[in-house]
Amino acid sequence: MPNYIINKNTQSNGDNEVHNKDANCGHMPLIENQIDLGWHATCHDAVSYAKSKWANNRINGCYYCANTCHTS
C-alpha cells in the first residue's frame, strides 16, 4: 500500500495536492511542507481522507504521481 502526503501550501490554482510518497515524484513539496496522510490503497482513498480532515480546502491529486485523482 502506498504512503501519501499532502502539500500544506496551496497551489496557485487553489488546490492542496496529494502526492504518492512511494512514487519518487519530481514534484514533491519540501519536507517541511508535507503533511503525512498515511498508507492508503489508492490515491482516491488518500484524497477522501484529506477531504475529511480539511473540508474547506480544495484537495486534488498530483498530476505526476496521483494522476487518476488529478482533476484540475
N, C-alpha and C. Protein backbone atom coordinates (compact mmCIF):
# COMPACT_ATOMS: atom_id res chain seq x y z
N MET A 1 0.85 -1.18 0.00
CA MET A 1 0.00 0.00 0.00
C MET A 1 0.89 1.24 0.00
N PRO A 2 0.61 2.21 -0.87
CA PRO A 2 1.43 3.43 -0.93
C PRO A 2 1.19 4.37 0.24
N ASN A 3 2.21 5.14 0.54
CA ASN A 3 2.15 6.16 1.58
C ASN A 3 1.92 7.51 0.89
N TYR A 4 0.98 8.29 1.39
CA TYR A 4 0.61 9.56 0.77
C TYR A 4 0.87 10.72 1.70
N ILE A 5 1.13 11.88 1.09
CA ILE A 5 1.28 13.13 1.82
C ILE A 5 0.44 14.19 1.11
N ILE A 6 0.19 15.29 1.81
CA ILE A 6 -0.47 16.43 1.19
C ILE A 6 0.45 17.64 1.38
N ASN A 7 0.49 18.47 0.36
CA ASN A 7 1.26 19.71 0.43
C ASN A 7 0.47 20.71 1.25
N LYS A 8 1.06 21.19 2.34
CA LYS A 8 0.32 22.14 3.18
C LYS A 8 0.23 23.52 2.54
N ASN A 9 1.04 23.77 1.51
CA ASN A 9 0.96 25.02 0.76
C ASN A 9 -0.06 24.89 -0.36
N THR A 10 -0.92 25.86 -0.46
CA THR A 10 -1.92 25.87 -1.52
C THR A 10 -1.27 26.28 -2.84
N GLN A 11 -1.60 25.56 -3.91
CA GLN A 11 -1.08 25.87 -5.24
C GLN A 11 -1.73 27.15 -5.76
N SER A 12 -1.19 27.70 -6.84
CA SER A 12 -1.71 28.95 -7.41
C SER A 12 -3.15 28.81 -7.90
N ASN A 13 -3.59 27.58 -8.21
CA ASN A 13 -4.97 27.36 -8.65
C ASN A 13 -5.93 27.11 -7.49
N GLY A 14 -5.42 27.15 -6.25
CA GLY A 14 -6.27 26.98 -5.07
C GLY A 14 -6.30 25.57 -4.50
N ASP A 15 -5.60 24.62 -5.13
CA ASP A 15 -5.60 23.23 -4.68
C ASP A 15 -4.47 22.96 -3.69
N ASN A 16 -4.73 22.02 -2.79
CA ASN A 16 -3.69 21.39 -1.99
C ASN A 16 -3.52 20.00 -2.59
N GLU A 17 -2.32 19.68 -3.04
CA GLU A 17 -2.10 18.45 -3.78
C GLU A 17 -1.67 17.28 -2.89
N VAL A 18 -2.26 16.13 -3.21
CA VAL A 18 -1.90 14.86 -2.58
C VAL A 18 -0.86 14.18 -3.47
N HIS A 19 0.22 13.69 -2.84
CA HIS A 19 1.31 13.03 -3.55
C HIS A 19 1.50 11.61 -3.01
N ASN A 20 1.86 10.71 -3.92
CA ASN A 20 2.25 9.35 -3.56
C ASN A 20 3.73 9.39 -3.19
N LYS A 21 4.01 9.26 -1.93
CA LYS A 21 5.39 9.37 -1.43
C LYS A 21 6.29 8.27 -1.98
N ASP A 22 5.71 7.14 -2.34
CA ASP A 22 6.48 6.00 -2.82
C ASP A 22 6.78 6.05 -4.32
N ALA A 23 6.25 7.04 -5.03
CA ALA A 23 6.38 7.09 -6.49
C ALA A 23 7.60 7.87 -6.97
N ASN A 24 8.43 8.36 -6.06
CA ASN A 24 9.60 9.16 -6.42
C ASN A 24 9.23 10.32 -7.34
N CYS A 25 8.18 11.01 -6.99
CA CYS A 25 7.67 12.14 -7.77
C CYS A 25 8.65 13.30 -7.75
N GLY A 26 8.91 13.86 -8.90
CA GLY A 26 9.79 15.00 -9.00
C GLY A 26 9.13 16.31 -8.61
N HIS A 27 7.87 16.27 -8.20
CA HIS A 27 7.12 17.47 -7.86
C HIS A 27 6.67 17.47 -6.40
N MET A 28 7.35 16.68 -5.58
CA MET A 28 7.02 16.64 -4.16
C MET A 28 7.35 17.97 -3.50
N PRO A 29 6.53 18.40 -2.55
CA PRO A 29 6.88 19.62 -1.80
C PRO A 29 8.07 19.35 -0.88
N LEU A 30 8.69 20.42 -0.45
CA LEU A 30 9.77 20.29 0.52
C LEU A 30 9.25 19.56 1.75
N ILE A 31 10.12 18.83 2.42
CA ILE A 31 9.73 18.02 3.57
C ILE A 31 8.98 18.83 4.63
N GLU A 32 9.37 20.08 4.82
CA GLU A 32 8.70 20.91 5.84
C GLU A 32 7.29 21.32 5.42
N ASN A 33 6.95 21.11 4.15
CA ASN A 33 5.60 21.44 3.66
C ASN A 33 4.73 20.21 3.45
N GLN A 34 5.20 19.05 3.90
CA GLN A 34 4.46 17.81 3.75
C GLN A 34 3.72 17.46 5.03
N ILE A 35 2.47 17.05 4.87
CA ILE A 35 1.70 16.50 5.99
C ILE A 35 1.39 15.06 5.63
N ASP A 36 1.79 14.15 6.49
CA ASP A 36 1.61 12.72 6.24
C ASP A 36 0.13 12.35 6.31
N LEU A 37 -0.34 11.65 5.28
CA LEU A 37 -1.72 11.14 5.26
C LEU A 37 -1.77 9.66 5.58
N GLY A 38 -0.61 9.02 5.63
CA GLY A 38 -0.55 7.60 5.95
C GLY A 38 -0.68 6.72 4.71
N TRP A 39 -0.87 5.44 4.97
CA TRP A 39 -0.95 4.42 3.94
C TRP A 39 -2.39 4.28 3.46
N HIS A 40 -2.58 4.29 2.15
CA HIS A 40 -3.91 4.13 1.56
C HIS A 40 -3.81 3.24 0.34
N ALA A 41 -4.85 2.46 0.09
CA ALA A 41 -4.86 1.52 -1.04
C ALA A 41 -4.79 2.24 -2.38
N THR A 42 -5.43 3.41 -2.47
CA THR A 42 -5.46 4.17 -3.72
C THR A 42 -5.33 5.65 -3.43
N CYS A 43 -5.04 6.42 -4.46
CA CYS A 43 -5.00 7.87 -4.28
C CYS A 43 -6.40 8.40 -3.97
N HIS A 44 -7.43 7.73 -4.49
CA HIS A 44 -8.81 8.15 -4.19
C HIS A 44 -9.08 8.07 -2.69
N ASP A 45 -8.59 7.01 -2.05
CA ASP A 45 -8.74 6.87 -0.60
C ASP A 45 -7.98 7.98 0.13
N ALA A 46 -6.78 8.28 -0.34
CA ALA A 46 -5.95 9.33 0.29
C ALA A 46 -6.60 10.70 0.13
N VAL A 47 -7.13 10.99 -1.06
CA VAL A 47 -7.80 12.27 -1.30
C VAL A 47 -9.06 12.37 -0.44
N SER A 48 -9.83 11.30 -0.35
CA SER A 48 -11.03 11.30 0.50
C SER A 48 -10.68 11.54 1.96
N TYR A 49 -9.62 10.89 2.41
CA TYR A 49 -9.16 11.09 3.79
C TYR A 49 -8.77 12.55 4.02
N ALA A 50 -8.01 13.12 3.09
CA ALA A 50 -7.60 14.53 3.22
C ALA A 50 -8.81 15.45 3.22
N LYS A 51 -9.79 15.17 2.37
CA LYS A 51 -11.00 16.00 2.33
C LYS A 51 -11.78 15.91 3.64
N SER A 52 -11.72 14.77 4.30
CA SER A 52 -12.42 14.63 5.59
C SER A 52 -11.73 15.44 6.68
N LYS A 53 -10.41 15.62 6.56
CA LYS A 53 -9.65 16.39 7.55
C LYS A 53 -9.68 17.89 7.27
N TRP A 54 -9.69 18.26 6.00
CA TRP A 54 -9.66 19.67 5.59
C TRP A 54 -10.83 19.94 4.64
N ALA A 55 -12.02 19.91 5.17
CA ALA A 55 -13.24 20.02 4.37
C ALA A 55 -13.35 21.35 3.62
N ASN A 56 -12.71 22.39 4.12
CA ASN A 56 -12.81 23.71 3.49
C ASN A 56 -11.75 23.95 2.42
N ASN A 57 -10.87 22.97 2.20
CA ASN A 57 -9.80 23.10 1.20
C ASN A 57 -10.18 22.35 -0.08
N ARG A 58 -9.64 22.83 -1.19
CA ARG A 58 -9.74 22.08 -2.45
C ARG A 58 -8.58 21.10 -2.48
N ILE A 59 -8.88 19.82 -2.51
CA ILE A 59 -7.87 18.76 -2.47
C ILE A 59 -7.86 18.08 -3.84
N ASN A 60 -6.67 17.84 -4.36
CA ASN A 60 -6.51 17.28 -5.69
C ASN A 60 -5.29 16.37 -5.69
N GLY A 61 -5.30 15.36 -6.53
CA GLY A 61 -4.13 14.50 -6.70
C GLY A 61 -3.10 15.15 -7.60
N CYS A 62 -1.85 14.86 -7.36
CA CYS A 62 -0.76 15.35 -8.20
C CYS A 62 -0.88 14.77 -9.61
N TYR A 63 -0.69 15.61 -10.59
CA TYR A 63 -0.76 15.18 -11.99
C TYR A 63 0.27 14.09 -12.29
N TYR A 64 1.42 14.12 -11.63
CA TYR A 64 2.53 13.24 -11.94
C TYR A 64 2.53 11.93 -11.16
N CYS A 65 2.15 11.96 -9.89
CA CYS A 65 2.24 10.73 -9.09
C CYS A 65 0.90 10.23 -8.57
N ALA A 66 -0.16 10.97 -8.77
CA ALA A 66 -1.52 10.53 -8.38
C ALA A 66 -2.49 10.96 -9.47
N ASN A 67 -2.11 10.66 -10.71
CA ASN A 67 -2.82 11.19 -11.87
C ASN A 67 -4.28 10.80 -11.94
N THR A 68 -4.64 9.59 -11.51
CA THR A 68 -6.05 9.19 -11.58
C THR A 68 -6.92 10.00 -10.63
N CYS A 69 -6.29 10.73 -9.72
CA CYS A 69 -7.00 11.59 -8.77
C CYS A 69 -6.85 13.07 -9.11
N HIS A 70 -6.16 13.35 -10.20
CA HIS A 70 -5.93 14.74 -10.61
C HIS A 70 -7.16 15.23 -11.38
N THR A 71 -7.76 16.31 -10.90
CA THR A 71 -8.98 16.81 -11.54
C THR A 71 -8.86 18.24 -12.02
N SER A 72 -7.87 18.99 -11.55
CA SER A 72 -7.75 20.38 -12.02
C SER A 72 -6.30 20.83 -12.02
